[in-house]
Each structure stands twice: as C-alpha cells, then as structure tokens.
Amino acid sequence: MRRIQSLTVSALAMVMLLGVAGCGGMSQRDQNTAIGAGAGAVGGAILTGGSTAGTVGGAVVGGVIGHEVGK
C-alpha cells in the first residue's frame, strides 16, 4: 500500500511538472493558478493519504490561492 501511495504522489508531481511546461502562452495569473492547483493537489494527496477528495480539494484551494496571489 505504501508503494502505491508513493507512485501516486510521484505521478502527480510528474503531471504537474509537465503541465507547467505547457504554460508558455499563459498569462502570469493563469500560470500562478495552474501552479497553485498542482501544488495543492500534491499537498492534499499527501495530507489525506491519497484520497480523491483530498486531492481535488487541495487542487481547488491551491488554484484559488494561486489566482489571488497574482492580483
């Protein structure tokens, strides 16, 4: 079970990095939102043991924070 959790977090981090690489044509606020959502998803997954609700909740909170930081 621990290995699955580790692989999930690693895959999530990889997806986040690939997503950030595609941010070339985005505004700074859009980039902050995407980075915040990715970081929040990873944080939510880690804090809740990989639960879907924790991952999605973390992504939402991170995205909102990232969007507001750009103001």
PDB file of N, CA and C in Angstrom:
ATOM      1  N   MET A   1       0.819  -1.191   0.000  1.00  0.00           N
ATOM      2  CA  MET A   1       0.000   0.000   0.000  1.00  0.00           C
ATOM      3  C   MET A   1       0.865   1.258   0.000  1.00  0.00           C
ATOM      4  N   ARG A   2       1.941   1.218   0.748  1.00  0.00           N
ATOM      5  CA  ARG A   2       2.839   2.373   0.819  1.00  0.00           C
ATOM      6  C   ARG A   2       3.459   2.656  -0.548  1.00  0.00           C
ATOM      7  N   ARG A   3       3.750   1.606  -1.294  1.00  0.00           N
ATOM      8  CA  ARG A   3       4.340   1.765  -2.621  1.00  0.00           C
ATOM      9  C   ARG A   3       3.363   2.417  -3.588  1.00  0.00           C
ATOM     10  N   ILE A   4       2.105   2.053  -3.501  1.00  0.00           N
ATOM     11  CA  ILE A   4       1.088   2.646  -4.363  1.00  0.00           C
ATOM     12  C   ILE A   4       0.964   4.135  -4.066  1.00  0.00           C
ATOM     13  N   GLN A   5       0.975   4.489  -2.791  1.00  0.00           N
ATOM     14  CA  GLN A   5       0.886   5.899  -2.410  1.00  0.00           C
ATOM     15  C   GLN A   5       2.099   6.667  -2.939  1.00  0.00           C
ATOM     16  N   SER A   6       3.252   6.088  -2.842  1.00  0.00           N
ATOM     17  CA  SER A   6       4.471   6.736  -3.336  1.00  0.00           C
ATOM     18  C   SER A   6       4.419   6.925  -4.844  1.00  0.00           C
ATOM     19  N   LEU A   7       3.946   5.917  -5.553  1.00  0.00           N
ATOM     20  CA  LEU A   7       3.818   6.026  -7.006  1.00  0.00           C
ATOM     21  C   LEU A   7       2.775   7.069  -7.399  1.00  0.00           C
ATOM     22  N   THR A   8       1.696   7.157  -6.635  1.00  0.00           N
ATOM     23  CA  THR A   8       0.657   8.141  -6.921  1.00  0.00           C
ATOM     24  C   THR A   8       1.198   9.551  -6.773  1.00  0.00           C
ATOM     25  N   VAL A   9       1.906   9.808  -5.700  1.00  0.00           N
ATOM     26  CA  VAL A   9       2.474  11.137  -5.469  1.00  0.00           C
ATOM     27  C   VAL A   9       3.504  11.462  -6.547  1.00  0.00           C
ATOM     28  N   SER A  10       4.316  10.498  -6.915  1.00  0.00           N
ATOM     29  CA  SER A  10       5.316  10.731  -7.959  1.00  0.00           C
ATOM     30  C   SER A  10       4.654  11.018  -9.302  1.00  0.00           C
ATOM     31  N   ALA A  11       3.621  10.277  -9.637  1.00  0.00           N
ATOM     32  CA  ALA A  11       2.916  10.506 -10.896  1.00  0.00           C
ATOM     33  C   ALA A  11       2.239  11.870 -10.896  1.00  0.00           C
ATOM     34  N   LEU A  12       1.680  12.258  -9.771  1.00  0.00           N
ATOM     35  CA  LEU A  12       1.041  13.556  -9.662  1.00  0.00           C
ATOM     36  C   LEU A  12       2.048  14.682  -9.833  1.00  0.00           C
ATOM     37  N   ALA A  13       3.214  14.528  -9.240  1.00  0.00           N
ATOM     38  CA  ALA A  13       4.271  15.535  -9.389  1.00  0.00           C
ATOM     39  C   ALA A  13       4.737  15.622 -10.835  1.00  0.00           C
ATOM     40  N   MET A  14       4.838  14.489 -11.499  1.00  0.00           N
ATOM     41  CA  MET A  14       5.258  14.476 -12.900  1.00  0.00           C
ATOM     42  C   MET A  14       4.225  15.173 -13.782  1.00  0.00           C
ATOM     43  N   VAL A  15       2.959  14.903 -13.549  1.00  0.00           N
ATOM     44  CA  VAL A  15       1.896  15.553 -14.315  1.00  0.00           C
ATOM     45  C   VAL A  15       1.923  17.060 -14.077  1.00  0.00           C
ATOM     46  N   MET A  16       2.170  17.457 -12.832  1.00  0.00           N
ATOM     47  CA  MET A  16       2.236  18.875 -12.524  1.00  0.00           C
ATOM     48  C   MET A  16       3.389  19.542 -13.271  1.00  0.00           C
ATOM     49  N   LEU A  17       4.537  18.902 -13.292  1.00  0.00           N
ATOM     50  CA  LEU A  17       5.684  19.481 -13.992  1.00  0.00           C
ATOM     51  C   LEU A  17       5.443  19.569 -15.492  1.00  0.00           C
ATOM     52  N   LEU A  18       4.835  18.549 -16.064  1.00  0.00           N
ATOM     53  CA  LEU A  18       4.516  18.587 -17.492  1.00  0.00           C
ATOM     54  C   LEU A  18       3.474  19.657 -17.789  1.00  0.00           C
ATOM     55  N   GLY A  19       2.533  19.838 -16.884  1.00  0.00           N
ATOM     56  CA  GLY A  19       1.528  20.873 -17.058  1.00  0.00           C
ATOM     57  C   GLY A  19       2.128  22.259 -17.017  1.00  0.00           C
ATOM     58  N   VAL A  20       3.084  22.464 -16.130  1.00  0.00           N
ATOM     59  CA  VAL A  20       3.751  23.759 -16.036  1.00  0.00           C
ATOM     60  C   VAL A  20       4.566  24.027 -17.297  1.00  0.00           C
ATOM     61  N   ALA A  21       5.118  22.994 -17.891  1.00  0.00           N
ATOM     62  CA  ALA A  21       5.894  23.166 -19.119  1.00  0.00           C
ATOM     63  C   ALA A  21       5.009  23.668 -20.262  1.00  0.00           C
ATOM     64  N   GLY A  22       3.730  23.386 -20.208  1.00  0.00           N
ATOM     65  CA  GLY A  22       2.814  23.836 -21.246  1.00  0.00           C
ATOM     66  C   GLY A  22       2.245  25.221 -20.996  1.00  0.00           C
ATOM     67  N   CYS A  23       2.776  25.935 -20.020  1.00  0.00           N
ATOM     68  CA  CYS A  23       2.248  27.249 -19.647  1.00  0.00           C
ATOM     69  C   CYS A  23       2.883  28.394 -20.415  1.00  0.00           C
ATOM     70  N   GLY A  24       3.558  28.137 -21.515  1.00  0.00           N
ATOM     71  CA  GLY A  24       4.280  29.168 -22.238  1.00  0.00           C
ATOM     72  C   GLY A  24       3.403  30.307 -22.738  1.00  0.00           C
ATOM     73  N   GLY A  25       2.186  30.030 -23.184  1.00  0.00           N
ATOM     74  CA  GLY A  25       1.322  31.064 -23.720  1.00  0.00           C
ATOM     75  C   GLY A  25       0.330  31.614 -22.715  1.00  0.00           C
ATOM     76  N   MET A  26       0.489  31.281 -21.454  1.00  0.00           N
ATOM     77  CA  MET A  26      -0.459  31.717 -20.438  1.00  0.00           C
ATOM     78  C   MET A  26      -0.003  33.021 -19.791  1.00  0.00           C
ATOM     79  N   SER A  27      -0.975  33.768 -19.265  1.00  0.00           N
ATOM     80  CA  SER A  27      -0.639  34.978 -18.513  1.00  0.00           C
ATOM     81  C   SER A  27      -0.034  34.580 -17.170  1.00  0.00           C
ATOM     82  N   GLN A  28       0.554  35.538 -16.493  1.00  0.00           N
ATOM     83  CA  GLN A  28       1.167  35.252 -15.193  1.00  0.00           C
ATOM     84  C   GLN A  28       0.120  34.763 -14.191  1.00  0.00           C
ATOM     85  N   ARG A  29      -1.070  35.337 -14.213  1.00  0.00           N
ATOM     86  CA  ARG A  29      -2.128  34.903 -13.292  1.00  0.00           C
ATOM     87  C   ARG A  29      -2.549  33.469 -13.595  1.00  0.00           C
ATOM     88  N   ASP A  30      -2.661  33.127 -14.877  1.00  0.00           N
ATOM     89  CA  ASP A  30      -3.022  31.759 -15.252  1.00  0.00           C
ATOM     90  C   ASP A  30      -1.955  30.773 -14.803  1.00  0.00           C
ATOM     91  N   GLN A  31      -0.695  31.162 -14.953  1.00  0.00           N
ATOM     92  CA  GLN A  31       0.399  30.303 -14.506  1.00  0.00           C
ATOM     93  C   GLN A  31       0.354  30.104 -12.999  1.00  0.00           C
ATOM     94  N   ASN A  32       0.117  31.177 -12.253  1.00  0.00           N
ATOM     95  CA  ASN A  32       0.024  31.070 -10.796  1.00  0.00           C
ATOM     96  C   ASN A  32      -1.125  30.152 -10.388  1.00  0.00           C
ATOM     97  N   THR A  33      -2.250  30.252 -11.093  1.00  0.00           N
ATOM     98  CA  THR A  33      -3.395  29.394 -10.794  1.00  0.00           C
ATOM     99  C   THR A  33      -3.062  27.928 -11.048  1.00  0.00           C
ATOM    100  N   ALA A  34      -2.427  27.642 -12.187  1.00  0.00           N
ATOM    101  CA  ALA A  34      -2.075  26.260 -12.524  1.00  0.00           C
ATOM    102  C   ALA A  34      -1.051  25.688 -11.546  1.00  0.00           C
ATOM    103  N   ILE A  35      -0.056  26.474 -11.208  1.00  0.00           N
ATOM    104  CA  ILE A  35       0.962  26.010 -10.266  1.00  0.00           C
ATOM    105  C   ILE A  35       0.349  25.785  -8.890  1.00  0.00           C
ATOM    106  N   GLY A  36      -0.500  26.703  -8.465  1.00  0.00           N
ATOM    107  CA  GLY A  36      -1.169  26.551  -7.168  1.00  0.00           C
ATOM    108  C   GLY A  36      -2.047  25.313  -7.123  1.00  0.00           C
ATOM    109  N   ALA A  37      -2.769  25.061  -8.217  1.00  0.00           N
ATOM    110  CA  ALA A  37      -3.635  23.872  -8.267  1.00  0.00           C
ATOM    111  C   ALA A  37      -2.808  22.595  -8.220  1.00  0.00           C
ATOM    112  N   GLY A  38      -1.711  22.577  -8.943  1.00  0.00           N
ATOM    113  CA  GLY A  38      -0.852  21.384  -8.920  1.00  0.00           C
ATOM    114  C   GLY A  38      -0.232  21.150  -7.557  1.00  0.00           C
ATOM    115  N   ALA A  39       0.281  22.207  -6.957  1.00  0.00           N
ATOM    116  CA  ALA A  39       0.890  22.074  -5.629  1.00  0.00           C
ATOM    117  C   ALA A  39      -0.162  21.695  -4.590  1.00  0.00           C
ATOM    118  N   GLY A  40      -1.346  22.280  -4.719  1.00  0.00           N
ATOM    119  CA  GLY A  40      -2.418  21.939  -3.786  1.00  0.00           C
ATOM    120  C   GLY A  40      -2.868  20.496  -3.925  1.00  0.00           C
ATOM    121  N   ALA A  41      -2.909  20.002  -5.156  1.00  0.00           N
ATOM    122  CA  ALA A  41      -3.292  18.602  -5.371  1.00  0.00           C
ATOM    123  C   ALA A  41      -2.289  17.653  -4.738  1.00  0.00           C
ATOM    124  N   VAL A  42      -1.018  17.945  -4.910  1.00  0.00           N
ATOM    125  CA  VAL A  42       0.011  17.096  -4.302  1.00  0.00           C
ATOM    126  C   VAL A  42      -0.077  17.175  -2.785  1.00  0.00           C
ATOM    127  N   GLY A  43      -0.215  18.394  -2.263  1.00  0.00           N
ATOM    128  CA  GLY A  43      -0.323  18.561  -0.812  1.00  0.00           C
ATOM    129  C   GLY A  43      -1.547  17.865  -0.254  1.00  0.00           C
ATOM    130  N   GLY A  44      -2.690  18.007  -0.931  1.00  0.00           N
ATOM    131  CA  GLY A  44      -3.909  17.347  -0.479  1.00  0.00           C
ATOM    132  C   GLY A  44      -3.794  15.840  -0.511  1.00  0.00           C
ATOM    133  N   ALA A  45      -3.135  15.320  -1.537  1.00  0.00           N
ATOM    134  CA  ALA A  45      -2.947  13.873  -1.637  1.00  0.00           C
ATOM    135  C   ALA A  45      -2.050  13.362  -0.514  1.00  0.00           C
ATOM    136  N   ILE A  46      -1.015  14.113  -0.203  1.00  0.00           N
ATOM    137  CA  ILE A  46      -0.102  13.692   0.860  1.00  0.00           C
ATOM    138  C   ILE A  46      -0.785  13.750   2.223  1.00  0.00           C
ATOM    139  N   LEU A  47      -1.495  14.845   2.482  1.00  0.00           N
ATOM    140  CA  LEU A  47      -2.121  15.022   3.792  1.00  0.00           C
ATOM    141  C   LEU A  47      -3.256  14.049   4.058  1.00  0.00           C
ATOM    142  N   THR A  48      -3.957  13.616   3.009  1.00  0.00           N
ATOM    143  CA  THR A  48      -5.102  12.719   3.207  1.00  0.00           C
ATOM    144  C   THR A  48      -4.793  11.274   2.842  1.00  0.00           C
ATOM    145  N   GLY A  49      -3.555  10.976   2.610  1.00  0.00           N
ATOM    146  CA  GLY A  49      -3.196   9.593   2.300  1.00  0.00           C
ATOM    147  C   GLY A  49      -3.600   9.173   0.901  1.00  0.00           C
ATOM    148  N   GLY A  50      -3.738  10.106  -0.022  1.00  0.00           N
ATOM    149  CA  GLY A  50      -4.052   9.779  -1.402  1.00  0.00           C
ATOM    150  C   GLY A  50      -5.521   9.711  -1.728  1.00  0.00           C
ATOM    151  N   SER A  51      -6.386  10.218  -0.836  1.00  0.00           N
ATOM    152  CA  SER A  51      -7.819  10.158  -1.130  1.00  0.00           C
ATOM    153  C   SER A  51      -8.172  11.121  -2.257  1.00  0.00           C
ATOM    154  N   THR A  52      -9.171  10.758  -3.021  1.00  0.00           N
ATOM    155  CA  THR A  52      -9.606  11.585  -4.144  1.00  0.00           C
ATOM    156  C   THR A  52     -10.131  12.931  -3.667  1.00  0.00           C
ATOM    157  N   ALA A  53     -10.928  12.918  -2.616  1.00  0.00           N
ATOM    158  CA  ALA A  53     -11.497  14.162  -2.104  1.00  0.00           C
ATOM    159  C   ALA A  53     -10.396  15.109  -1.630  1.00  0.00           C
ATOM    160  N   GLY A  54      -9.387  14.581  -0.967  1.00  0.00           N
ATOM    161  CA  GLY A  54      -8.278  15.408  -0.502  1.00  0.00           C
ATOM    162  C   GLY A  54      -7.478  15.987  -1.649  1.00  0.00           C
ATOM    163  N   THR A  55      -7.265  15.189  -2.679  1.00  0.00           N
ATOM    164  CA  THR A  55      -6.513  15.658  -3.845  1.00  0.00           C
ATOM    165  C   THR A  55      -7.269  16.752  -4.586  1.00  0.00           C
ATOM    166  N   VAL A  56      -8.549  16.525  -4.833  1.00  0.00           N
ATOM    167  CA  VAL A  56      -9.363  17.518  -5.540  1.00  0.00           C
ATOM    168  C   VAL A  56      -9.533  18.777  -4.688  1.00  0.00           C
ATOM    169  N   GLY A  57      -9.781  18.589  -3.399  1.00  0.00           N
ATOM    170  CA  GLY A  57      -9.912  19.737  -2.500  1.00  0.00           C
ATOM    171  C   GLY A  57      -8.638  20.562  -2.451  1.00  0.00           C
ATOM    172  N   GLY A  58      -7.502  19.899  -2.380  1.00  0.00           N
ATOM    173  CA  GLY A  58      -6.226  20.598  -2.378  1.00  0.00           C
ATOM    174  C   GLY A  58      -5.989  21.347  -3.671  1.00  0.00           C
ATOM    175  N   ALA A  59      -6.392  20.756  -4.787  1.00  0.00           N
ATOM    176  CA  ALA A  59      -6.235  21.423  -6.082  1.00  0.00           C
ATOM    177  C   ALA A  59      -7.099  22.674  -6.158  1.00  0.00           C
ATOM    178  N   VAL A  60      -8.312  22.586  -5.651  1.00  0.00           N
ATOM    179  CA  VAL A  60      -9.211  23.741  -5.671  1.00  0.00           C
ATOM    180  C   VAL A  60      -8.656  24.867  -4.807  1.00  0.00           C
ATOM    181  N   VAL A  61      -8.281  24.530  -3.583  1.00  0.00           N
ATOM    182  CA  VAL A  61      -7.743  25.555  -2.666  1.00  0.00           C
ATOM    183  C   VAL A  61      -6.456  26.143  -3.220  1.00  0.00           C
ATOM    184  N   GLY A  62      -5.568  25.308  -3.720  1.00  0.00           N
ATOM    185  CA  GLY A  62      -4.315  25.792  -4.294  1.00  0.00           C
ATOM    186  C   GLY A  62      -4.539  26.681  -5.507  1.00  0.00           C
ATOM    187  N   GLY A  63      -5.501  26.319  -6.351  1.00  0.00           N
ATOM    188  CA  GLY A  63      -5.806  27.122  -7.526  1.00  0.00           C
ATOM    189  C   GLY A  63      -6.345  28.501  -7.154  1.00  0.00           C
ATOM    190  N   VAL A  64      -7.205  28.533  -6.147  1.00  0.00           N
ATOM    191  CA  VAL A  64      -7.748  29.812  -5.694  1.00  0.00           C
ATOM    192  C   VAL A  64      -6.640  30.682  -5.108  1.00  0.00           C
ATOM    193  N   ILE A  65      -5.790  30.080  -4.284  1.00  0.00           N
ATOM    194  CA  ILE A  65      -4.686  30.843  -3.689  1.00  0.00           C
ATOM    195  C   ILE A  65      -3.743  31.341  -4.778  1.00  0.00           C
ATOM    196  N   GLY A  66      -3.400  30.489  -5.728  1.00  0.00           N
ATOM    197  CA  GLY A  66      -2.534  30.898  -6.823  1.00  0.00           C
ATOM    198  C   GLY A  66      -3.137  32.028  -7.637  1.00  0.00           C
ATOM    199  N   HIS A  67      -4.425  31.979  -7.853  1.00  0.00           N
ATOM    200  CA  HIS A  67      -5.108  33.033  -8.619  1.00  0.00           C
ATOM    201  C   HIS A  67      -5.096  34.358  -7.849  1.00  0.00           C
ATOM    202  N   GLU A  68      -5.311  34.291  -6.551  1.00  0.00           N
ATOM    203  CA  GLU A  68      -5.375  35.504  -5.746  1.00  0.00           C
ATOM    204  C   GLU A  68      -3.987  36.117  -5.518  1.00  0.00           C
ATOM    205  N   VAL A  69      -2.951  35.318  -5.515  1.00  0.00           N
ATOM    206  CA  VAL A  69      -1.598  35.833  -5.332  1.00  0.00           C
ATOM    207  C   VAL A  69      -1.223  36.755  -6.490  1.00  0.00           C
ATOM    208  N   GLY A  70      -1.728  36.470  -7.668  1.00  0.00           N
ATOM    209  CA  GLY A  70      -1.402  37.256  -8.850  1.00  0.00           C
ATOM    210  C   GLY A  70      -2.055  38.622  -8.905  1.00  0.00           C
ATOM    211  N   LYS A  71      -2.962  38.920  -7.993  1.00  0.00           N
ATOM    212  CA  LYS A  71      -3.668  40.218  -8.031  1.00  0.00           C
ATOM    213  C   LYS A  71      -2.807  41.336  -7.530  1.00  0.00           C
TER     214      LYS A  71
END
